[in-house]
PDB file of N, CA and C in Angstrom:
ATOM      1  N   UNK A   1     133.045  99.452  89.555  1.00  0.00           N
ATOM      2  CA  UNK A   1     132.184  98.361  89.176  1.00  0.00           C
ATOM      3  C   UNK A   1     131.187  98.034  90.295  1.00  0.00           C
ATOM      4  N   UNK A   2     131.669  97.994  91.526  1.00  0.00           N
ATOM      5  CA  UNK A   2     130.783  97.701  92.651  1.00  0.00           C
ATOM      6  C   UNK A   2     129.740  98.800  92.829  1.00  0.00           C
ATOM      7  N   UNK A   3     130.157 100.029  92.594  1.00  0.00           N
ATOM      8  CA  UNK A   3     129.199 101.139  92.728  1.00  0.00           C
ATOM      9  C   UNK A   3     128.093 101.025  91.700  1.00  0.00           C
ATOM     10  N   UNK A   4     128.451 100.642  90.488  1.00  0.00           N
ATOM     11  CA  UNK A   4     127.450 100.483  89.438  1.00  0.00           C
ATOM     12  C   UNK A   4     126.463  99.369  89.790  1.00  0.00           C
ATOM     13  N   UNK A   5     126.979  98.269  90.286  1.00  0.00           N
ATOM     14  CA  UNK A   5     126.119  97.157  90.699  1.00  0.00           C
ATOM     15  C   UNK A   5     125.199  97.592  91.836  1.00  0.00           C
ATOM     16  N   UNK A   6     125.743  98.294  92.822  1.00  0.00           N
ATOM     17  CA  UNK A   6     124.938  98.781  93.937  1.00  0.00           C
ATOM     18  C   UNK A   6     123.852  99.739  93.441  1.00  0.00           C
ATOM     19  N   UNK A   7     124.212 100.620  92.518  1.00  0.00           N
ATOM     20  CA  UNK A   7     123.248 101.587  91.982  1.00  0.00           C
ATOM     21  C   UNK A   7     122.110 100.859  91.268  1.00  0.00           C
ATOM     22  N   UNK A   8     122.423  99.852  90.474  1.00  0.00           N
ATOM     23  CA  UNK A   8     121.384  99.088  89.779  1.00  0.00           C
ATOM     24  C   UNK A   8     120.456  98.386  90.775  1.00  0.00           C
ATOM     25  N   UNK A   9     121.027  97.793  91.802  1.00  0.00           N
ATOM     26  CA  UNK A   9     120.214  97.113  92.809  1.00  0.00           C
ATOM     27  C   UNK A   9     119.312  98.108  93.538  1.00  0.00           C
ATOM     28  N   UNK A  10     119.832  99.278  93.836  1.00  0.00           N
ATOM     29  CA  UNK A  10     119.061 100.306  94.528  1.00  0.00           C
ATOM     30  C   UNK A  10     117.889 100.774  93.671  1.00  0.00           C
ATOM     31  N   UNK A  11     118.150 101.005  92.390  1.00  0.00           N
ATOM     32  CA  UNK A  11     117.088 101.471  91.481  1.00  0.00           C
ATOM     33  C   UNK A  11     116.007 100.408  91.351  1.00  0.00           C
ATOM     34  N   UNK A  12     116.388  99.146  91.217  1.00  0.00           N
ATOM     35  CA  UNK A  12     115.396  98.065  91.110  1.00  0.00           C
ATOM     36  C   UNK A  12     114.546  97.974  92.373  1.00  0.00           C
ATOM     37  N   UNK A  13     115.178  98.066  93.525  1.00  0.00           N
ATOM     38  CA  UNK A  13     114.441  97.980  94.793  1.00  0.00           C
ATOM     39  C   UNK A  13     113.463  99.129  94.942  1.00  0.00           C
ATOM     40  N   UNK A  14     113.877 100.325  94.554  1.00  0.00           N
ATOM     41  CA  UNK A  14     112.995 101.488  94.663  1.00  0.00           C
ATOM     42  C   UNK A  14     111.825 101.388  93.696  1.00  0.00           C
ATOM     43  N   UNK A  15     112.071 100.932  92.487  1.00  0.00           N
ATOM     44  CA  UNK A  15     110.985 100.846  91.511  1.00  0.00           C
ATOM     45  C   UNK A  15     109.962  99.800  91.922  1.00  0.00           C
ATOM     46  N   UNK A  16     110.373  98.718  92.565  1.00  0.00           N
ATOM     47  CA  UNK A  16     109.430  97.714  93.037  1.00  0.00           C
ATOM     48  C   UNK A  16     108.560  98.272  94.146  1.00  0.00           C
ATOM     49  N   UNK A  17     109.131  99.049  95.043  1.00  0.00           N
ATOM     50  CA  UNK A  17     108.350  99.615  96.142  1.00  0.00           C
ATOM     51  C   UNK A  17     107.352 100.641  95.634  1.00  0.00           C
ATOM     52  N   UNK A  18     107.686 101.388  94.579  1.00  0.00           N
ATOM     53  CA  UNK A  18     106.756 102.366  94.032  1.00  0.00           C
ATOM     54  C   UNK A  18     105.511 101.694  93.480  1.00  0.00           C
ATOM     55  N   UNK A  19     105.646 100.524  92.890  1.00  0.00           N
ATOM     56  CA  UNK A  19     104.510  99.815  92.322  1.00  0.00           C
ATOM     57  C   UNK A  19     103.586  99.211  93.359  1.00  0.00           C
ATOM     58  N   UNK A  20     104.037  99.051  94.582  1.00  0.00           N
ATOM     59  CA  UNK A  20     103.228  98.414  95.616  1.00  0.00           C
ATOM     60  C   UNK A  20     102.026  99.248  96.021  1.00  0.00           C
ATOM     61  N   UNK A  21     102.082 100.550  95.896  1.00  0.00           N
ATOM     62  CA  UNK A  21     101.005 101.412  96.347  1.00  0.00           C
ATOM     63  C   UNK A  21      99.968 101.710  95.292  1.00  0.00           C
ATOM     64  N   UNK A  22      99.984 101.010  94.198  1.00  0.00           N
ATOM     65  CA  UNK A  22      99.064 101.283  93.095  1.00  0.00           C
ATOM     66  C   UNK A  22      97.843 100.384  93.149  1.00  0.00           C
ATOM     67  N   UNK A  23      96.802 100.858  92.489  1.00  0.00           N
ATOM     68  CA  UNK A  23      95.592 100.057  92.349  1.00  0.00           C
ATOM     69  C   UNK A  23      95.831  99.032  91.249  1.00  0.00           C
ATOM     70  N   UNK A  24      95.236  97.864  91.417  1.00  0.00           N
ATOM     71  CA  UNK A  24      95.369  96.791  90.432  1.00  0.00           C
ATOM     72  C   UNK A  24      94.041  96.584  89.715  1.00  0.00           C
ATOM     73  N   UNK A  25      94.108  96.419  88.407  1.00  0.00           N
ATOM     74  CA  UNK A  25      92.917  96.094  87.638  1.00  0.00           C
ATOM     75  C   UNK A  25      92.587  94.623  87.887  1.00  0.00           C
ATOM     76  N   UNK A  26      91.331  94.374  88.210  1.00  0.00           N
ATOM     77  CA  UNK A  26      90.865  93.019  88.505  1.00  0.00           C
ATOM     78  C   UNK A  26      89.744  92.673  87.521  1.00  0.00           C
ATOM     79  N   UNK A  27      89.832  91.542  86.822  1.00  0.00           N
ATOM     80  CA  UNK A  27      88.704  91.123  85.977  1.00  0.00           C
ATOM     81  C   UNK A  27      87.459  90.919  86.837  1.00  0.00           C
ATOM     82  N   UNK A  28      86.305  91.262  86.298  1.00  0.00           N
ATOM     83  CA  UNK A  28      85.068  91.150  87.077  1.00  0.00           C
ATOM     84  C   UNK A  28      84.817  89.734  87.581  1.00  0.00           C
ATOM     85  N   UNK A  29      85.240  88.740  86.827  1.00  0.00           N
ATOM     86  CA  UNK A  29      84.996  87.369  87.284  1.00  0.00           C
ATOM     87  C   UNK A  29      85.911  86.957  88.442  1.00  0.00           C
ATOM     88  N   UNK A  30      86.888  87.807  88.784  1.00  0.00           N
ATOM     89  CA  UNK A  30      87.766  87.521  89.919  1.00  0.00           C
ATOM     90  C   UNK A  30      87.449  88.371  91.152  1.00  0.00           C
ATOM     91  N   UNK A  31      86.451  89.232  91.024  1.00  0.00           N
ATOM     92  CA  UNK A  31      86.011  90.022  92.174  1.00  0.00           C
ATOM     93  C   UNK A  31      85.215  89.095  93.090  1.00  0.00           C
ATOM     94  N   UNK A  32      85.473  89.129  94.395  1.00  0.00           N
ATOM     95  CA  UNK A  32      84.730  88.247  95.316  1.00  0.00           C
ATOM     96  C   UNK A  32      83.219  88.421  95.171  1.00  0.00           C
ATOM     97  N   UNK A  33      82.468  87.333  95.214  1.00  0.00           N
ATOM     98  CA  UNK A  33      81.012  87.403  95.061  1.00  0.00           C
ATOM     99  C   UNK A  33      80.341  88.361  96.051  1.00  0.00           C
ATOM    100  N   UNK A  34      80.829  88.412  97.275  1.00  0.00           N
ATOM    101  CA  UNK A  34      80.227  89.313  98.277  1.00  0.00           C
ATOM    102  C   UNK A  34      80.389  90.777  97.862  1.00  0.00           C
ATOM    103  N   UNK A  35      81.489  91.093  97.219  1.00  0.00           N
ATOM    104  CA  UNK A  35      81.738  92.467  96.759  1.00  0.00           C
ATOM    105  C   UNK A  35      80.770  92.817  95.633  1.00  0.00           C
ATOM    106  N   UNK A  36      80.661  91.935  94.646  1.00  0.00           N
ATOM    107  CA  UNK A  36      79.752  92.197  93.515  1.00  0.00           C
ATOM    108  C   UNK A  36      78.303  92.278  93.985  1.00  0.00           C
ATOM    109  N   UNK A  37      77.915  91.393  94.880  1.00  0.00           N
ATOM    110  CA  UNK A  37      76.537  91.403  95.377  1.00  0.00           C
ATOM    111  C   UNK A  37      76.231  92.721  96.075  1.00  0.00           C
ATOM    112  N   UNK A  38      77.139  93.186  96.925  1.00  0.00           N
ATOM    113  CA  UNK A  38      76.928  94.445  97.640  1.00  0.00           C
ATOM    114  C   UNK A  38      76.844  95.625  96.676  1.00  0.00           C
ATOM    115  N   UNK A  39      77.716  95.647  95.669  1.00  0.00           N
ATOM    116  CA  UNK A  39      77.703  96.739  94.695  1.00  0.00           C
ATOM    117  C   UNK A  39      76.409  96.726  93.893  1.00  0.00           C
ATOM    118  N   UNK A  40      75.953  95.543  93.471  1.00  0.00           N
ATOM    119  CA  UNK A  40      74.717  95.442  92.689  1.00  0.00           C
ATOM    120  C   UNK A  40      73.486  95.806  93.512  1.00  0.00           C
ATOM    121  N   UNK A  41      73.499  95.462  94.793  1.00  0.00           N
ATOM    122  CA  UNK A  41      72.373  95.826  95.648  1.00  0.00           C
ATOM    123  C   UNK A  41      72.329  97.327  95.893  1.00  0.00           C
ATOM    124  N   UNK A  42      73.483  97.934  96.044  1.00  0.00           N
ATOM    125  CA  UNK A  42      73.547  99.374  96.323  1.00  0.00           C
ATOM    126  C   UNK A  42      73.271 100.210  95.071  1.00  0.00           C
ATOM    127  N   UNK A  43      73.707  99.714  93.911  1.00  0.00           N
ATOM    128  CA  UNK A  43      73.521 100.435  92.646  1.00  0.00           C
ATOM    129  C   UNK A  43      72.868  99.504  91.617  1.00  0.00           C
ATOM    130  N   UNK A  44      71.588  99.164  91.798  1.00  0.00           N
ATOM    131  CA  UNK A  44      70.951  98.178  90.919  1.00  0.00           C
ATOM    132  C   UNK A  44      70.801  98.636  89.468  1.00  0.00           C
ATOM    133  N   UNK A  45      70.822  99.934  89.213  1.00  0.00           N
ATOM    134  CA  UNK A  45      70.633 100.452  87.859  1.00  0.00           C
ATOM    135  C   UNK A  45      71.937 100.505  87.057  1.00  0.00           C
ATOM    136  N   UNK A  46      73.044 100.112  87.669  1.00  0.00           N
ATOM    137  CA  UNK A  46      74.360 100.200  87.037  1.00  0.00           C
ATOM    138  C   UNK A  46      74.774  98.856  86.457  1.00  0.00           C
ATOM    139  N   UNK A  47      75.300  98.907  85.218  1.00  0.00           N
ATOM    140  CA  UNK A  47      75.900  97.714  84.613  1.00  0.00           C
ATOM    141  C   UNK A  47      77.410  97.838  84.818  1.00  0.00           C
ATOM    142  N   UNK A  48      77.957  97.020  85.695  1.00  0.00           N
ATOM    143  CA  UNK A  48      79.374  97.110  86.054  1.00  0.00           C
ATOM    144  C   UNK A  48      80.244  96.536  84.947  1.00  0.00           C
ATOM    145  N   UNK A  49      81.351  97.252  84.675  1.00  0.00           N
ATOM    146  CA  UNK A  49      82.231  96.818  83.592  1.00  0.00           C
ATOM    147  C   UNK A  49      83.706  96.772  83.965  1.00  0.00           C
ATOM    148  N   UNK A  50      84.081  97.276  85.152  1.00  0.00           N
ATOM    149  CA  UNK A  50      85.492  97.222  85.550  1.00  0.00           C
ATOM    150  C   UNK A  50      85.616  97.230  87.061  1.00  0.00           C
ATOM    151  N   UNK A  51      86.774  96.762  87.528  1.00  0.00           N
ATOM    152  CA  UNK A  51      87.028  96.730  88.968  1.00  0.00           C
ATOM    153  C   UNK A  51      88.516  96.938  89.227  1.00  0.00           C
ATOM    154  N   UNK A  52      88.798  97.601  90.326  1.00  0.00           N
ATOM    155  CA  UNK A  52      90.163  97.825  90.783  1.00  0.00           C
ATOM    156  C   UNK A  52      90.267  97.355  92.225  1.00  0.00           C
ATOM    157  N   UNK A  53      91.453  96.908  92.599  1.00  0.00           N
ATOM    158  CA  UNK A  53      91.710  96.572  93.996  1.00  0.00           C
ATOM    159  C   UNK A  53      92.738  97.565  94.514  1.00  0.00           C
ATOM    160  N   UNK A  54      92.416  98.223  95.617  1.00  0.00           N
ATOM    161  CA  UNK A  54      93.308  99.224  96.180  1.00  0.00           C
ATOM    162  C   UNK A  54      94.319  98.560  97.113  1.00  0.00           C
ATOM    163  N   UNK A  55      95.419  99.249  97.402  1.00  0.00           N
ATOM    164  CA  UNK A  55      96.430  98.680  98.301  1.00  0.00           C
ATOM    165  C   UNK A  55      95.895  98.353  99.697  1.00  0.00           C
ATOM    166  N   UNK A  56      94.837  99.046 100.124  1.00  0.00           N
ATOM    167  CA  UNK A  56      94.287  98.782 101.456  1.00  0.00           C
ATOM    168  C   UNK A  56      93.192  97.713 101.454  1.00  0.00           C
ATOM    169  N   UNK A  57      93.028  96.992 100.332  1.00  0.00           N
ATOM    170  CA  UNK A  57      92.122  95.858 100.289  1.00  0.00           C
ATOM    171  C   UNK A  57      90.702  96.158  99.856  1.00  0.00           C
ATOM    172  N   UNK A  58      90.407  97.398  99.496  1.00  0.00           N
ATOM    173  CA  UNK A  58      89.070  97.734  99.010  1.00  0.00           C
ATOM    174  C   UNK A  58      88.969  97.432  97.520  1.00  0.00           C
ATOM    175  N   UNK A  59      87.757  97.195  97.064  1.00  0.00           N
ATOM    176  CA  UNK A  59      87.483  97.002  95.644  1.00  0.00           C
ATOM    177  C   UNK A  59      86.684  98.201  95.154  1.00  0.00           C
ATOM    178  N   UNK A  60      87.086  98.767  94.024  1.00  0.00           N
ATOM    179  CA  UNK A  60      86.338  99.839  93.372  1.00  0.00           C
ATOM    180  C   UNK A  60      85.688  99.223  92.148  1.00  0.00           C
ATOM    181  N   UNK A  61      84.367  99.102  92.190  1.00  0.00           N
ATOM    182  CA  UNK A  61      83.617  98.501  91.096  1.00  0.00           C
ATOM    183  C   UNK A  61      82.920  99.632  90.353  1.00  0.00           C
ATOM    184  N   UNK A  62      83.173  99.735  89.032  1.00  0.00           N
ATOM    185  CA  UNK A  62      82.644 100.850  88.232  1.00  0.00           C
ATOM    186  C   UNK A  62      81.744 100.349  87.119  1.00  0.00           C
ATOM    187  N   UNK A  63      80.812 101.216  86.749  1.00  0.00           N
ATOM    188  CA  UNK A  63      79.922 100.900  85.642  1.00  0.00           C
ATOM    189  C   UNK A  63      79.124 102.121  85.245  1.00  0.00           C
ATOM    190  N   UNK A  64      78.178 101.920  84.312  1.00  0.00           N
ATOM    191  CA  UNK A  64      77.352 103.012  83.797  1.00  0.00           C
ATOM    192  C   UNK A  64      75.876 102.695  83.974  1.00  0.00           C
ATOM    193  N   UNK A  65      75.116 103.759  84.148  1.00  0.00           N
ATOM    194  CA  UNK A  65      73.661 103.634  84.164  1.00  0.00           C
ATOM    195  C   UNK A  65      73.181 103.621  82.712  1.00  0.00           C
ATOM    196  N   UNK A  66      71.885 103.418  82.506  1.00  0.00           N
ATOM    197  CA  UNK A  66      71.330 103.426  81.145  1.00  0.00           C
ATOM    198  C   UNK A  66      71.491 104.781  80.471  1.00  0.00           C
ATOM    199  N   UNK A  67      71.580 105.837  81.277  1.00  0.00           N
ATOM    200  CA  UNK A  67      71.738 107.181  80.715  1.00  0.00           C
ATOM    201  C   UNK A  67      73.205 107.537  80.474  1.00  0.00           C
ATOM    202  N   UNK A  68      74.124 106.625  80.818  1.00  0.00           N
ATOM    203  CA  UNK A  68      75.544 106.856  80.562  1.00  0.00           C
ATOM    204  C   UNK A  68      76.326 107.460  81.712  1.00  0.00           C
ATOM    205  N   UNK A  69      75.679 107.649  82.850  1.00  0.00           N
ATOM    206  CA  UNK A  69      76.383 108.200  84.007  1.00  0.00           C
ATOM    207  C   UNK A  69      77.277 107.129  84.628  1.00  0.00           C
ATOM    208  N   UNK A  70      78.540 107.469  84.847  1.00  0.00           N
ATOM    209  CA  UNK A  70      79.479 106.540  85.459  1.00  0.00           C
ATOM    210  C   UNK A  70      79.314 106.595  86.971  1.00  0.00           C
ATOM    211  N   UNK A  71      79.195 105.418  87.584  1.00  0.00           N
ATOM    212  CA  UNK A  71      79.083 105.329  89.033  1.00  0.00           C
ATOM    213  C   UNK A  71      80.061 104.290  89.546  1.00  0.00           C
ATOM    214  N   UNK A  72      80.443 104.459  90.800  1.00  0.00           N
ATOM    215  CA  UNK A  72      81.446 103.597  91.409  1.00  0.00           C
ATOM    216  C   UNK A  72      81.048 103.289  92.842  1.00  0.00           C
ATOM    217  N   UNK A  73      81.284 102.055  93.231  1.00  0.00           N
ATOM    218  CA  UNK A  73      81.071 101.653  94.619  1.00  0.00           C
ATOM    219  C   UNK A  73      82.383 101.105  95.156  1.00  0.00           C
ATOM    220  N   UNK A  74      82.779 101.596  96.322  1.00  0.00           N
ATOM    221  CA  UNK A  74      83.944 101.040  97.004  1.00  0.00           C
ATOM    222  C   UNK A  74      83.420 100.077  98.058  1.00  0.00           C
ATOM    223  N   UNK A  75      83.903  98.828  97.980  1.00  0.00           N
ATOM    224  CA  UNK A  75      83.391  97.765  98.834  1.00  0.00           C
ATOM    225  C   UNK A  75      84.569  97.023  99.440  1.00  0.00           C
ATOM    226  N   UNK A  76      84.466  96.695 100.731  1.00  0.00           N
ATOM    227  CA  UNK A  76      85.541  95.898 101.338  1.00  0.00           C
ATOM    228  C   UNK A  76      85.304  94.418 101.039  1.00  0.00           C
ATOM    229  N   UNK A  77      86.266  93.579 101.360  1.00  0.00           N
ATOM    230  CA  UNK A  77      86.199  92.155 101.030  1.00  0.00           C
ATOM    231  C   UNK A  77      85.053  91.437 101.729  1.00  0.00           C
ATOM    232  N   UNK A  78      84.556  91.999 102.828  1.00  0.00           N
ATOM    233  CA  UNK A  78      83.442  91.395 103.559  1.00  0.00           C
ATOM    234  C   UNK A  78      82.091  91.731 102.928  1.00  0.00           C
ATOM    235  N   UNK A  79      82.097  92.586 101.908  1.00  0.00           N
ATOM    236  CA  UNK A  79      80.845  92.946 101.240  1.00  0.00           C
ATOM    237  C   UNK A  79      80.153  94.162 101.817  1.00  0.00           C
ATOM    238  N   UNK A  80      80.870  94.991 102.534  1.00  0.00           N
ATOM    239  CA  UNK A  80      80.302  96.219 103.092  1.00  0.00           C
ATOM    240  C   UNK A  80      80.653  97.386 102.189  1.00  0.00           C
ATOM    241  N   UNK A  81      79.636  98.118 101.746  1.00  0.00           N
ATOM    242  CA  UNK A  81      79.863  99.279 100.890  1.00  0.00           C
ATOM    243  C   UNK A  81      80.414 100.400 101.746  1.00  0.00           C
ATOM    244  N   UNK A  82      81.567 100.929 101.327  1.00  0.00           N
ATOM    245  CA  UNK A  82      82.237 101.986 102.072  1.00  0.00           C
ATOM    246  C   UNK A  82      81.916 103.356 101.496  1.00  0.00           C
ATOM    247  N   UNK A  83      81.822 103.432 100.162  1.00  0.00           N
ATOM    248  CA  UNK A  83      81.610 104.723  99.503  1.00  0.00           C
ATOM    249  C   UNK A  83      80.934 104.498  98.165  1.00  0.00           C
ATOM    250  N   UNK A  84      80.036 105.413  97.795  1.00  0.00           N
ATOM    251  CA  UNK A  84      79.390 105.397  96.476  1.00  0.00           C
ATOM    252  C   UNK A  84      79.615 106.753  95.845  1.00  0.00           C
ATOM    253  N   UNK A  85      80.117 106.729  94.630  1.00  0.00           N
ATOM    254  CA  UNK A  85      80.340 107.988  93.892  1.00  0.00           C
ATOM    255  C   UNK A  85      79.574 107.975  92.596  1.00  0.00           C
TER     256      UNK A  85
END
């Protein structure tokens, strides 16, 4: 009985730690204003429609151009663009 309880606790602890390293979907209205401003300035032709927050604190803001090309800007919380894809 104790082994079963220990096994359940171990599995729960491991599954929680696995989820910690994932990106989180963030509604656009909850993305910091400095992040959105930086992304819009860097990619003015893009209409942003989704955002993710990475475990290291970066925001990935994604959207499409008028021609349908998907573009993404990675921006830190201070509003500095780190990467554009």
